[in-house]
C-alpha atoms as a PDB file:
ATOM      1  CA  MET A   1    -194.943-164.108 -57.102  1.00  0.00           C
ATOM      2  CA  ARG A   2    -197.139-161.133 -56.212  1.00  0.00           C
ATOM      3  CA  ALA A   3    -199.394-159.479 -58.780  1.00  0.00           C
ATOM      4  CA  ALA A   4    -202.183-156.905 -58.631  1.00  0.00           C
ATOM      5  CA  VAL A   5    -205.071-158.419 -60.600  1.00  0.00           C
ATOM      6  CA  ILE A   6    -208.685-157.769 -61.505  1.00  0.00           C
ATOM      7  CA  ASN A   7    -211.259-160.551 -61.879  1.00  0.00           C
ATOM      8  CA  GLU A   8    -213.763-158.303 -63.645  1.00  0.00           C
ATOM      9  CA  TYR A   9    -213.991-154.748 -64.943  1.00  0.00           C
ATOM     10  CA  GLY A  10    -214.943-152.113 -62.424  1.00  0.00           C
ATOM     11  CA  THR A  11    -213.698-149.537 -59.932  1.00  0.00           C
ATOM     12  CA  SER A  12    -210.276-149.430 -58.334  1.00  0.00           C
ATOM     13  CA  GLN A  13    -211.635-151.734 -55.642  1.00  0.00           C
ATOM     14  CA  GLU A  14    -211.439-154.596 -58.146  1.00  0.00           C
ATOM     15  CA  LEU A  15    -207.626-154.422 -57.867  1.00  0.00           C
ATOM     16  CA  HIS A  16    -206.235-156.854 -55.342  1.00  0.00           C
ATOM     17  CA  VAL A  17    -202.819-158.353 -54.696  1.00  0.00           C
ATOM     18  CA  THR A  18    -202.519-162.115 -54.881  1.00  0.00           C
ATOM     19  CA  ASP A  19    -199.970-164.860 -55.518  1.00  0.00           C
ATOM     20  CA  VAL A  20    -199.784-166.058 -59.119  1.00  0.00           C
ATOM     21  CA  PRO A  21    -197.357-168.361 -60.950  1.00  0.00           C
ATOM     22  CA  LYS A  22    -194.213-166.755 -62.339  1.00  0.00           C
ATOM     23  CA  PRO A  23    -194.644-166.405 -66.123  1.00  0.00           C
ATOM     24  CA  GLU A  24    -192.616-168.553 -68.505  1.00  0.00           C
ATOM     25  CA  ILE A  25    -190.722-167.232 -71.508  1.00  0.00           C
ATOM     26  CA  ASP A  26    -190.684-168.287 -75.144  1.00  0.00           C
ATOM     27  CA  THR A  27    -187.710-168.151 -77.518  1.00  0.00           C
ATOM     28  CA  HIS A  28    -187.954-164.393 -78.234  1.00  0.00           C
ATOM     29  CA  ASP A  29    -189.037-163.325 -74.741  1.00  0.00           C
ATOM     30  CA  VAL A  30    -187.359-161.711 -71.760  1.00  0.00           C
ATOM     31  CA  LEU A  31    -188.291-162.339 -68.119  1.00  0.00           C
ATOM     32  CA  ILE A  32    -187.980-159.127 -66.113  1.00  0.00           C
ATOM     33  CA  HIS A  33    -187.898-158.660 -62.348  1.00  0.00           C
ATOM     34  CA  VAL A  34    -189.959-155.488 -62.064  1.00  0.00           C
ATOM     35  CA  HIS A  35    -188.536-152.679 -59.932  1.00  0.00           C
ATOM     36  CA  ALA A  36    -190.906-149.877 -61.023  1.00  0.00           C
ATOM     37  CA  ALA A  37    -193.953-149.536 -63.273  1.00  0.00           C
ATOM     38  CA  GLY A  38    -195.671-146.472 -64.649  1.00  0.00           C
ATOM     39  CA  ILE A  39    -199.334-145.878 -63.791  1.00  0.00           C
ATOM     40  CA  ASN A  40    -201.174-144.442 -66.792  1.00  0.00           C
ATOM     41  CA  PRO A  41    -204.708-143.449 -67.846  1.00  0.00           C
ATOM     42  CA  MET A  42    -204.510-146.416 -70.233  1.00  0.00           C
ATOM     43  CA  ASP A  43    -204.333-148.689 -67.183  1.00  0.00           C
ATOM     44  CA  THR A  44    -207.358-147.151 -65.467  1.00  0.00           C
ATOM     45  CA  LYS A  45    -209.355-147.353 -68.703  1.00  0.00           C
ATOM     46  CA  ALA A  46    -208.375-151.012 -69.052  1.00  0.00           C
ATOM     47  CA  ARG A  47    -209.458-151.653 -65.460  1.00  0.00           C
ATOM     48  CA  ASP A  48    -212.899-150.012 -65.765  1.00  0.00           C
ATOM     49  CA  GLY A  49    -213.756-151.719 -69.056  1.00  0.00           C
ATOM     50  CA  GLY A  50    -213.182-148.721 -71.299  1.00  0.00           C
ATOM     51  CA  MET A  51    -210.804-150.764 -73.451  1.00  0.00           C
ATOM     52  CA  LYS A  52    -212.533-154.139 -73.380  1.00  0.00           C
ATOM     53  CA  LEU A  53    -213.112-154.099 -77.140  1.00  0.00           C
ATOM     54  CA  VAL A  54    -209.357-154.314 -77.704  1.00  0.00           C
ATOM     55  CA  LEU A  55    -208.475-156.565 -74.755  1.00  0.00           C
ATOM     56  CA  SER A  56    -208.795-160.314 -74.372  1.00  0.00           C
ATOM     57  CA  ASN A  57    -211.685-161.700 -72.330  1.00  0.00           C
ATOM     58  CA  ASP A  58    -209.338-163.598 -70.046  1.00  0.00           C
ATOM     59  CA  PHE A  59    -209.450-163.049 -66.301  1.00  0.00           C
ATOM     60  CA  PRO A  60    -207.757-162.558 -63.942  1.00  0.00           C
ATOM     61  CA  LYS A  61    -205.884-159.700 -65.612  1.00  0.00           C
ATOM     62  CA  THR A  62    -202.671-158.079 -64.460  1.00  0.00           C
ATOM     63  CA  LEU A  63    -202.550-154.519 -65.793  1.00  0.00           C
ATOM     64  CA  GLY A  64    -199.603-152.143 -66.199  1.00  0.00           C
ATOM     65  CA  GLY A  65    -198.426-151.140 -69.670  1.00  0.00           C
ATOM     66  CA  GLU A  66    -194.806-150.176 -68.908  1.00  0.00           C
ATOM     67  CA  CYS A  67    -192.097-151.142 -66.476  1.00  0.00           C
ATOM     68  CA  ALA A  68    -188.417-151.024 -65.607  1.00  0.00           C
ATOM     69  CA  GLY A  69    -186.441-153.800 -64.012  1.00  0.00           C
ATOM     70  CA  VAL A  70    -183.685-156.395 -64.278  1.00  0.00           C
ATOM     71  CA  VAL A  71    -183.442-159.229 -66.803  1.00  0.00           C
ATOM     72  CA  MET A  72    -183.737-162.599 -65.064  1.00  0.00           C
ATOM     73  CA  GLU A  73    -183.962-164.909 -68.079  1.00  0.00           C
ATOM     74  CA  VAL A  74    -183.746-164.614 -71.872  1.00  0.00           C
ATOM     75  CA  GLY A  75    -185.189-166.769 -74.632  1.00  0.00           C
ATOM     76  CA  LEU A  76    -183.035-169.101 -76.694  1.00  0.00           C
ATOM     77  CA  MET A  77    -183.088-166.796 -79.747  1.00  0.00           C
ATOM     78  CA  ILE A  78    -181.918-163.708 -77.854  1.00  0.00           C
ATOM     79  CA  THR A  79    -178.192-162.999 -77.996  1.00  0.00           C
ATOM     80  CA  ASP A  80    -177.965-159.261 -77.292  1.00  0.00           C
ATOM     81  CA  LEU A  81    -179.385-159.200 -73.747  1.00  0.00           C
ATOM     82  CA  GLN A  82    -178.173-161.049 -70.701  1.00  0.00           C
ATOM     83  CA  VAL A  83    -179.220-161.789 -67.146  1.00  0.00           C
ATOM     84  CA  GLY A  84    -178.609-158.748 -64.946  1.00  0.00           C
ATOM     85  CA  ASP A  85    -179.214-156.100 -67.614  1.00  0.00           C
ATOM     86  CA  ARG A  86    -181.257-153.100 -66.460  1.00  0.00           C
ATOM     87  CA  VAL A  87    -184.112-152.561 -68.931  1.00  0.00           C
ATOM     88  CA  ILE A  88    -187.416-150.898 -69.687  1.00  0.00           C
ATOM     89  CA  ALA A  89    -190.255-152.726 -71.393  1.00  0.00           C
ATOM     90  CA  SER A  90    -193.423-151.741 -73.221  1.00  0.00           C
ATOM     91  CA  LEU A  91    -196.190-154.206 -72.387  1.00  0.00           C
ATOM     92  CA  GLY A  92    -199.125-152.761 -74.341  1.00  0.00           C
ATOM     93  CA  PRO A  93    -202.774-152.530 -73.249  1.00  0.00           C
ATOM     94  CA  GLU A  94    -202.811-156.131 -71.985  1.00  0.00           C
ATOM     95  CA  GLY A  95    -200.200-155.069 -69.448  1.00  0.00           C
ATOM     96  CA  GLY A  96    -198.534-157.261 -66.862  1.00  0.00           C
ATOM     97  CA  GLY A  97    -196.318-154.656 -65.205  1.00  0.00           C
ATOM     98  CA  TYR A  98    -198.189-154.621 -61.879  1.00  0.00           C
ATOM     99  CA  ALA A  99    -196.324-157.721 -60.721  1.00  0.00           C
ATOM    100  CA  ASP A 100    -192.980-158.923 -59.385  1.00  0.00           C
ATOM    101  CA  TYR A 101    -192.122-160.506 -62.731  1.00  0.00           C
ATOM    102  CA  VAL A 102    -193.297-159.944 -66.289  1.00  0.00           C
ATOM    103  CA  VAL A 103    -192.512-161.386 -69.719  1.00  0.00           C
ATOM    104  CA  ALA A 104    -191.848-158.966 -72.580  1.00  0.00           C
ATOM    105  CA  LYS A 105    -191.002-159.411 -76.252  1.00  0.00           C
ATOM    106  CA  ARG A 106    -187.371-158.615 -77.118  1.00  0.00           C
ATOM    107  CA  LYS A 107    -188.479-155.944 -79.601  1.00  0.00           C
ATOM    108  CA  SER A 108    -190.231-154.117 -76.739  1.00  0.00           C
ATOM    109  CA  VAL A 109    -187.207-153.997 -74.439  1.00  0.00           C
ATOM    110  CA  VAL A 110    -184.345-151.458 -74.222  1.00  0.00           C
ATOM    111  CA  ARG A 111    -181.399-151.207 -71.823  1.00  0.00           C
ATOM    112  CA  ILE A 112    -181.336-148.406 -69.232  1.00  0.00           C
ATOM    113  CA  PRO A 113    -178.157-146.296 -68.929  1.00  0.00           C
ATOM    114  CA  ASP A 114    -176.431-146.602 -65.566  1.00  0.00           C
ATOM    115  CA  GLU A 115    -177.113-142.919 -64.827  1.00  0.00           C
ATOM    116  CA  VAL A 116    -180.911-143.383 -64.982  1.00  0.00           C
ATOM    117  CA  SER A 117    -182.930-144.850 -62.095  1.00  0.00           C
ATOM    118  CA  PHE A 118    -185.653-147.450 -62.504  1.00  0.00           C
ATOM    119  CA  VAL A 119    -188.283-144.945 -61.366  1.00  0.00           C
ATOM    120  CA  GLN A 120    -187.170-142.355 -63.922  1.00  0.00           C
ATOM    121  CA  ALA A 121    -186.934-144.925 -66.723  1.00  0.00           C
ATOM    122  CA  SER A 122    -190.265-146.613 -66.029  1.00  0.00           C
ATOM    123  CA  ALA A 123    -192.206-143.681 -67.523  1.00  0.00           C
ATOM    124  CA  VAL A 124    -190.456-143.786 -70.901  1.00  0.00           C
ATOM    125  CA  PRO A 125    -192.403-146.505 -72.794  1.00  0.00           C
ATOM    126  CA  VAL A 126    -195.801-144.761 -72.585  1.00  0.00           C
ATOM    127  CA  ALA A 127    -195.724-141.120 -71.475  1.00  0.00           C
ATOM    128  CA  ALA A 128    -192.347-140.014 -72.840  1.00  0.00           C
ATOM    129  CA  LEU A 129    -192.774-141.820 -76.174  1.00  0.00           C
ATOM    130  CA  THR A 130    -196.274-140.360 -76.536  1.00  0.00           C
ATOM    131  CA  ALA A 131    -194.909-136.837 -76.143  1.00  0.00           C
ATOM    132  CA  LEU A 132    -192.013-137.414 -78.548  1.00  0.00           C
ATOM    133  CA  GLN A 133    -194.079-139.049 -81.283  1.00  0.00           C
ATOM    134  CA  ALA A 134    -196.896-136.495 -80.983  1.00  0.00           C
ATOM    135  CA  LEU A 135    -194.559-133.533 -81.425  1.00  0.00           C
ATOM    136  CA  ARG A 136    -192.033-134.952 -83.874  1.00  0.00           C
ATOM    137  CA  ASP A 137    -194.032-137.408 -85.988  1.00  0.00           C
ATOM    138  CA  LYS A 138    -197.528-135.896 -85.933  1.00  0.00           C
ATOM    139  CA  GLY A 139    -196.700-132.237 -85.316  1.00  0.00           C
ATOM    140  CA  HIS A 140    -193.539-132.217 -87.475  1.00  0.00           C
ATOM    141  CA  LEU A 141    -191.942-129.832 -84.994  1.00  0.00           C
ATOM    142  CA  ARG A 142    -189.222-127.652 -86.505  1.00  0.00           C
ATOM    143  CA  PRO A 143    -186.785-125.324 -84.723  1.00  0.00           C
ATOM    144  CA  GLY A 144    -188.497-122.068 -83.830  1.00  0.00           C
ATOM    145  CA  ASP A 145    -192.041-123.430 -84.069  1.00  0.00           C
ATOM    146  CA  GLN A 146    -194.589-122.007 -81.671  1.00  0.00           C
ATOM    147  CA  VAL A 147    -195.865-125.000 -79.678  1.00  0.00           C
ATOM    148  CA  LEU A 148    -198.763-125.002 -77.218  1.00  0.00           C
ATOM    149  CA  ILE A 149    -199.033-127.915 -74.770  1.00  0.00           C
ATOM    150  CA  ASN A 150    -202.497-128.323 -73.222  1.00  0.00           C
ATOM    151  CA  GLY A 151    -202.248-130.307 -69.988  1.00  0.00           C
ATOM    152  CA  ALA A 152    -198.614-129.351 -69.533  1.00  0.00           C
ATOM    153  CA  SER A 153    -198.404-130.477 -65.897  1.00  0.00           C
ATOM    154  CA  GLY A 154    -199.571-134.071 -66.476  1.00  0.00           C
ATOM    155  CA  GLY A 155    -197.561-137.204 -67.173  1.00  0.00           C
ATOM    156  CA  VAL A 156    -197.390-136.721 -70.943  1.00  0.00           C
ATOM    157  CA  GLY A 157    -197.453-132.931 -70.729  1.00  0.00           C
ATOM    158  CA  THR A 158    -194.381-132.588 -68.508  1.00  0.00           C
ATOM    159  CA  PHE A 159    -192.428-134.661 -71.020  1.00  0.00           C
ATOM    160  CA  ALA A 160    -193.901-132.700 -73.943  1.00  0.00           C
ATOM    161  CA  VAL A 161    -192.717-129.349 -72.550  1.00  0.00           C
ATOM    162  CA  GLN A 162    -189.178-130.671 -72.165  1.00  0.00           C
ATOM    163  CA  ILE A 163    -189.078-132.457 -75.520  1.00  0.00           C
ATOM    164  CA  ALA A 164    -190.455-129.450 -77.389  1.00  0.00           C
ATOM    165  CA  ARG A 165    -187.581-127.427 -75.925  1.00  0.00           C
ATOM    166  CA  LEU A 166    -185.056-130.130 -76.812  1.00  0.00           C
ATOM    167  CA  LEU A 167    -186.332-129.921 -80.398  1.00  0.00           C
ATOM    168  CA  SER A 168    -185.895-126.117 -80.293  1.00  0.00           C
ATOM    169  CA  GLY A 169    -189.562-125.161 -80.143  1.00  0.00           C
ATOM    170  CA  GLN A 170    -190.964-122.081 -78.412  1.00  0.00           C
ATOM    171  CA  VAL A 171    -193.265-123.503 -75.746  1.00  0.00           C
ATOM    172  CA  THR A 172    -196.511-122.201 -74.259  1.00  0.00           C
ATOM    173  CA  ALA A 173    -197.726-124.389 -71.406  1.00  0.00           C
ATOM    174  CA  VAL A 174    -201.410-124.558 -70.444  1.00  0.00           C
ATOM    175  CA  CYS A 175    -201.946-125.727 -66.852  1.00  0.00           C
ATOM    176  CA  GLY A 176    -203.279-124.611 -63.486  1.00  0.00           C
ATOM    177  CA  ALA A 177    -201.711-121.587 -61.796  1.00  0.00           C
ATOM    178  CA  ASP A 178    -200.246-123.785 -59.053  1.00  0.00           C
ATOM    179  CA  ASN A 179    -198.202-125.648 -61.691  1.00  0.00           C
ATOM    180  CA  ALA A 180    -196.897-122.567 -63.518  1.00  0.00           C
ATOM    181  CA  VAL A 181    -193.523-122.612 -61.767  1.00  0.00           C
ATOM    182  CA  LEU A 182    -193.047-126.279 -62.667  1.00  0.00           C
ATOM    183  CA  ALA A 183    -193.828-125.598 -66.341  1.00  0.00           C
ATOM    184  CA  LEU A 184    -191.308-122.767 -66.439  1.00  0.00           C
ATOM    185  CA  GLN A 185    -188.679-124.910 -64.735  1.00  0.00           C
ATOM    186  CA  LEU A 186    -189.206-127.592 -67.388  1.00  0.00           C
ATOM    187  CA  GLY A 187    -188.535-125.082 -70.144  1.00  0.00           C
ATOM    188  CA  ALA A 188    -191.801-123.369 -71.039  1.00  0.00           C
ATOM    189  CA  ASP A 189    -191.425-119.837 -72.409  1.00  0.00           C
ATOM    190  CA  HIS A 190    -194.974-118.819 -71.460  1.00  0.00           C
ATOM    191  CA  VAL A 191    -197.676-120.243 -69.190  1.00  0.00           C
ATOM    192  CA  ILE A 192    -201.460-119.883 -69.552  1.00  0.00           C
ATOM    193  CA  ASP A 193    -203.664-120.550 -66.530  1.00  0.00           C
ATOM    194  CA  HIS A 194    -206.491-122.708 -67.856  1.00  0.00           C
ATOM    195  CA  ASP A 195    -208.780-121.612 -65.017  1.00  0.00           C
ATOM    196  CA  THR A 196    -208.742-117.939 -66.011  1.00  0.00           C
ATOM    197  CA  VAL A 197    -207.772-117.848 -69.705  1.00  0.00           C
ATOM    198  CA  ASP A 198    -209.228-119.730 -72.681  1.00  0.00           C
ATOM    199  CA  PHE A 199    -206.252-120.173 -75.009  1.00  0.00           C
ATOM    200  CA  THR A 200    -208.577-120.794 -77.960  1.00  0.00           C
ATOM    201  CA  LYS A 201    -209.882-117.228 -77.680  1.00  0.00           C
ATOM    202  CA  GLN A 202    -206.493-115.480 -77.656  1.00  0.00           C
ATOM    203  CA  SER A 203    -204.695-113.715 -80.522  1.00  0.00           C
ATOM    204  CA  GLU A 204    -201.511-115.800 -80.465  1.00  0.00           C
ATOM    205  CA  ARG A 205    -201.117-118.375 -83.263  1.00  0.00           C
ATOM    206  CA  TYR A 206    -199.332-121.710 -82.932  1.00  0.00           C
ATOM    207  CA  ASN A 207    -197.648-124.035 -85.405  1.00  0.00           C
ATOM    208  CA  ILE A 208    -198.538-126.987 -83.175  1.00  0.00           C
ATOM    209  CA  ILE A 209    -201.200-127.434 -80.530  1.00  0.00           C
ATOM    210  CA  PHE A 210    -200.675-130.683 -78.633  1.00  0.00           C
ATOM    211  CA  ASP A 211    -203.553-131.603 -76.334  1.00  0.00           C
ATOM    212  CA  ALA A 212    -201.879-134.054 -73.974  1.00  0.00           C
ATOM    213  CA  VAL A 213    -205.069-134.596 -71.948  1.00  0.00           C
ATOM    214  CA  GLY A 214    -207.765-134.780 -74.630  1.00  0.00           C
ATOM    215  CA  LYS A 215    -209.720-131.815 -73.257  1.00  0.00           C
ATOM    216  CA  SER A 216    -210.053-129.770 -76.474  1.00  0.00           C
ATOM    217  CA  ASN A 217    -210.829-130.466 -80.143  1.00  0.00           C
ATOM    218  CA  TYR A 218    -209.742-129.294 -83.574  1.00  0.00           C
ATOM    219  CA  ASP A 219    -212.788-127.057 -84.129  1.00  0.00           C
ATOM    220  CA  GLU A 220    -212.055-125.129 -80.938  1.00  0.00           C
ATOM    221  CA  CYS A 221    -208.367-124.774 -81.739  1.00  0.00           C
ATOM    222  CA  LYS A 222    -208.189-124.127 -85.484  1.00  0.00           C
ATOM    223  CA  ASN A 223    -208.599-120.370 -85.096  1.00  0.00           C
ATOM    224  CA  VAL A 224    -205.391-120.198 -83.033  1.00  0.00           C
ATOM    225  CA  LEU A 225    -203.388-122.371 -85.408  1.00  0.00           C
ATOM    226  CA  THR A 226    -201.165-120.843 -88.052  1.00  0.00           C
ATOM    227  CA  GLU A 227    -202.220-121.217 -91.676  1.00  0.00           C
ATOM    228  CA  ASP A 228    -200.442-124.580 -91.889  1.00  0.00           C
ATOM    229  CA  GLY A 229    -200.696-125.416 -88.177  1.00  0.00           C
ATOM    230  CA  ILE A 230    -201.295-128.900 -86.790  1.00  0.00           C
ATOM    231  CA  TYR A 231    -203.590-129.947 -83.951  1.00  0.00           C
ATOM    232  CA  VAL A 232    -202.557-133.193 -82.221  1.00  0.00           C
ATOM    233  CA  THR A 233    -204.507-135.046 -79.541  1.00  0.00           C
ATOM    234  CA  THR A 234    -204.096-138.258 -77.569  1.00  0.00           C
ATOM    235  CA  LEU A 235    -207.856-138.929 -77.779  1.00  0.00           C
ATOM    236  CA  PRO A 236    -208.868-140.338 -81.199  1.00  0.00           C
ATOM    237  CA  SER A 237    -212.637-139.808 -80.857  1.00  0.00           C
ATOM    238  CA  PRO A 238    -215.017-140.377 -83.808  1.00  0.00           C
ATOM    239  CA  LYS A 239    -215.189-136.583 -84.329  1.00  0.00           C
ATOM    240  CA  GLN A 240    -211.398-136.358 -84.288  1.00  0.00           C
ATOM    241  CA  ILE A 241    -211.116-139.142 -86.898  1.00  0.00           C
ATOM    242  CA  LEU A 242    -213.592-137.254 -89.106  1.00  0.00           C
ATOM    243  CA  ASP A 243    -211.545-134.068 -88.680  1.00  0.00           C
ATOM    244  CA  GLN A 244    -208.425-135.967 -89.728  1.00  0.00           C
ATOM    245  CA  VAL A 245    -210.118-137.104 -92.931  1.00  0.00           C
ATOM    246  CA  VAL A 246    -211.510-133.659 -93.741  1.00  0.00           C
ATOM    247  CA  THR A 247    -208.196-131.871 -93.105  1.00  0.00           C
ATOM    248  CA  ILE A 248    -206.303-134.143 -95.502  1.00  0.00           C
ATOM    249  CA  PHE A 249    -207.313-131.623 -98.165  1.00  0.00           C
ATOM    250  CA  GLN A 250    -206.574-128.523 -96.048  1.00  0.00           C
ATOM    251  CA  SER A 251    -203.399-126.693 -95.036  1.00  0.00           C
ATOM    252  CA  GLN A 252    -204.291-126.996 -91.359  1.00  0.00           C
ATOM    253  CA  LYS A 253    -204.275-130.568 -90.056  1.00  0.00           C
ATOM    254  CA  ALA A 254    -205.949-132.540 -87.279  1.00  0.00           C
ATOM    255  CA  GLU A 255    -203.972-135.521 -86.013  1.00  0.00           C
ATOM    256  CA  SER A 256    -204.266-138.079 -83.220  1.00  0.00           C
ATOM    257  CA  LEU A 257    -201.680-140.418 -81.796  1.00  0.00           C
ATOM    258  CA  LEU A 258    -201.678-144.010 -80.611  1.00  0.00           C
ATOM    259  CA  VAL A 259    -198.175-144.459 -79.265  1.00  0.00           C
ATOM    260  CA  SER A 260    -196.042-147.278 -80.667  1.00  0.00           C
ATOM    261  CA  PHE A 261    -192.900-148.557 -78.988  1.00  0.00           C
ATOM    262  CA  LYS A 262    -189.838-147.873 -81.114  1.00  0.00           C
ATOM    263  CA  GLN A 263    -186.515-148.924 -79.665  1.00  0.00           C
ATOM    264  CA  GLU A 264    -184.616-146.059 -81.290  1.00  0.00           C
ATOM    265  CA  ASP A 265    -187.019-143.532 -79.744  1.00  0.00           C
ATOM    266  CA  ALA A 266    -186.702-145.070 -76.281  1.00  0.00           C
ATOM    267  CA  ILE A 267    -182.906-145.123 -76.577  1.00  0.00           C
ATOM    268  CA  TRP A 268    -182.868-141.432 -77.518  1.00  0.00           C
ATOM    269  CA  LEU A 269    -185.121-140.482 -74.601  1.00  0.00           C
ATOM    270  CA  LEU A 270    -183.047-142.478 -72.115  1.00  0.00           C
ATOM    271  CA  LYS A 271    -179.899-140.825 -73.486  1.00  0.00           C
ATOM    272  CA  GLN A 272    -181.431-137.400 -72.782  1.00  0.00           C
ATOM    273  CA  MET A 273    -182.187-138.554 -69.240  1.00  0.00           C
ATOM    274  CA  ALA A 274    -178.643-139.852 -68.754  1.00  0.00           C
ATOM    275  CA  GLU A 275    -177.270-136.474 -69.879  1.00  0.00           C
ATOM    276  CA  GLY A 276    -179.563-134.570 -67.512  1.00  0.00           C
ATOM    277  CA  LYS A 277    -181.602-132.977 -70.322  1.00  0.00           C
ATOM    278  CA  LEU A 278    -184.884-134.810 -69.590  1.00  0.00           C
ATOM    279  CA  GLN A 279    -186.526-135.864 -66.361  1.00  0.00           C
ATOM    280  CA  THR A 280    -189.541-137.807 -65.214  1.00  0.00           C
ATOM    281  CA  VAL A 281    -191.586-135.539 -62.962  1.00  0.00           C
ATOM    282  CA  VAL A 282    -192.813-137.903 -60.241  1.00  0.00           C
ATOM    283  CA  ASP A 283    -195.816-136.830 -58.196  1.00  0.00           C
ATOM    284  CA  ARG A 284    -196.038-139.917 -55.990  1.00  0.00           C
ATOM    285  CA  THR A 285    -194.754-143.480 -55.761  1.00  0.00           C
ATOM    286  CA  TYR A 286    -196.845-146.333 -54.390  1.00  0.00           C
ATOM    287  CA  PRO A 287    -196.178-149.872 -53.134  1.00  0.00           C
ATOM    288  CA  LEU A 288    -198.075-152.707 -54.786  1.00  0.00           C
ATOM    289  CA  ASP A 289    -200.652-153.010 -52.017  1.00  0.00           C
ATOM    290  CA  GLU A 290    -201.667-149.338 -52.467  1.00  0.00           C
ATOM    291  CA  LEU A 291    -202.372-149.613 -56.185  1.00  0.00           C
ATOM    292  CA  ALA A 292    -206.115-148.986 -55.733  1.00  0.00           C
ATOM    293  CA  GLN A 293    -205.350-145.637 -54.079  1.00  0.00           C
ATOM    294  CA  ALA A 294    -202.975-144.840 -56.939  1.00  0.00           C
ATOM    295  CA  HIS A 295    -205.719-145.493 -59.498  1.00  0.00           C
ATOM    296  CA  ASP A 296    -208.123-143.281 -57.538  1.00  0.00           C
ATOM    297  CA  TYR A 297    -205.598-140.460 -57.524  1.00  0.00           C
ATOM    298  CA  SER A 298    -204.863-140.965 -61.219  1.00  0.00           C
ATOM    299  CA  GLU A 299    -208.557-140.580 -62.009  1.00  0.00           C
ATOM    300  CA  SER A 300    -208.872-137.443 -59.852  1.00  0.00           C
ATOM    301  CA  GLY A 301    -207.299-135.298 -62.570  1.00  0.00           C
ATOM    302  CA  ASN A 302    -204.947-133.682 -60.058  1.00  0.00           C
ATOM    303  CA  VAL A 303    -201.747-135.573 -60.816  1.00  0.00           C
ATOM    304  CA  LYS A 304    -198.639-133.452 -61.375  1.00  0.00           C
ATOM    305  CA  GLY A 305    -196.335-135.489 -63.589  1.00  0.00           C
ATOM    306  CA  LYS A 306    -196.272-139.253 -63.166  1.00  0.00           C
ATOM    307  CA  LEU A 307    -197.460-141.826 -60.666  1.00  0.00           C
ATOM    308  CA  ILE A 308    -195.064-144.741 -60.286  1.00  0.00           C
ATOM    309  CA  LEU A 309    -195.612-148.172 -58.762  1.00  0.00           C
ATOM    310  CA  LYS A 310    -192.431-149.014 -56.860  1.00  0.00           C
ATOM    311  CA  LEU A 311    -191.988-152.706 -56.189  1.00  0.00           C
ATOM    312  CA  ILE A 312    -188.369-152.602 -55.000  1.00  0.00           C
ATOM    313  CA  ASP A 313    -186.570-149.847 -53.079  1.00  0.00           C
ATOM    314  CA  ASP A 314    -183.330-149.168 -54.935  1.00  0.00           C
END
């Protein structure tokens, strides 16, 4: 089978497509024929060595932390999935999704509704779950809350705007002026152009500030939080961890999120997609042999929504 692998950490040029053996399953595993795979900052960090402290030292590595495809084989202990089922899978930092076939644990796999395409579904395990868990679990979003999304036009941010609206929040999107229309179409009530306005210096106060791109910090944002407001980031830096400890004893809170795959969350998100209430904003799709270009574009900071690796045209 084909797989995009790296033999050492480095630039996107380390990615190359080669033939590798098809993986074998264990009793609680599922073999998936990959149709689409999300391309995430987690993947580029894994490729350049930024995550080597939490990854194995084994090479070659096949990256790709999320995918959507068709079940080809199930382990002996699995009775609730069958060959031919359309599924998504969370593969974690070690990845494996940049390949024709991948093995996933049953607990990390969920069926896709018929109404949802593989491309749309492939972004759920990382980006969509990150947005949901940041707003609901860390931000404790309640109906009517004022929610600011920093990085609202990115992969996580486009989901966050929609999910905040689904949870009945009042949404302010921070993004470039050229993405303002998109943010409004996704459900934002207000848009702030980050090139001309510093939201941390404005008079408006927010119950939740979700930094979906890790470009701000709690100290900069606390003055525009409400008295019991919560700052949430996807970048758990040492300073952020210290802020989390300090704010345990304060009404305002600093929080960070490392997404965890929960089947019930993925099922809910896919249900919203099937009902037309949630969409994956896709900037570009790439074939396997153009994965290096996809990583370059991902690292440019100019992506609007998601980049998707498309292995099969459906």
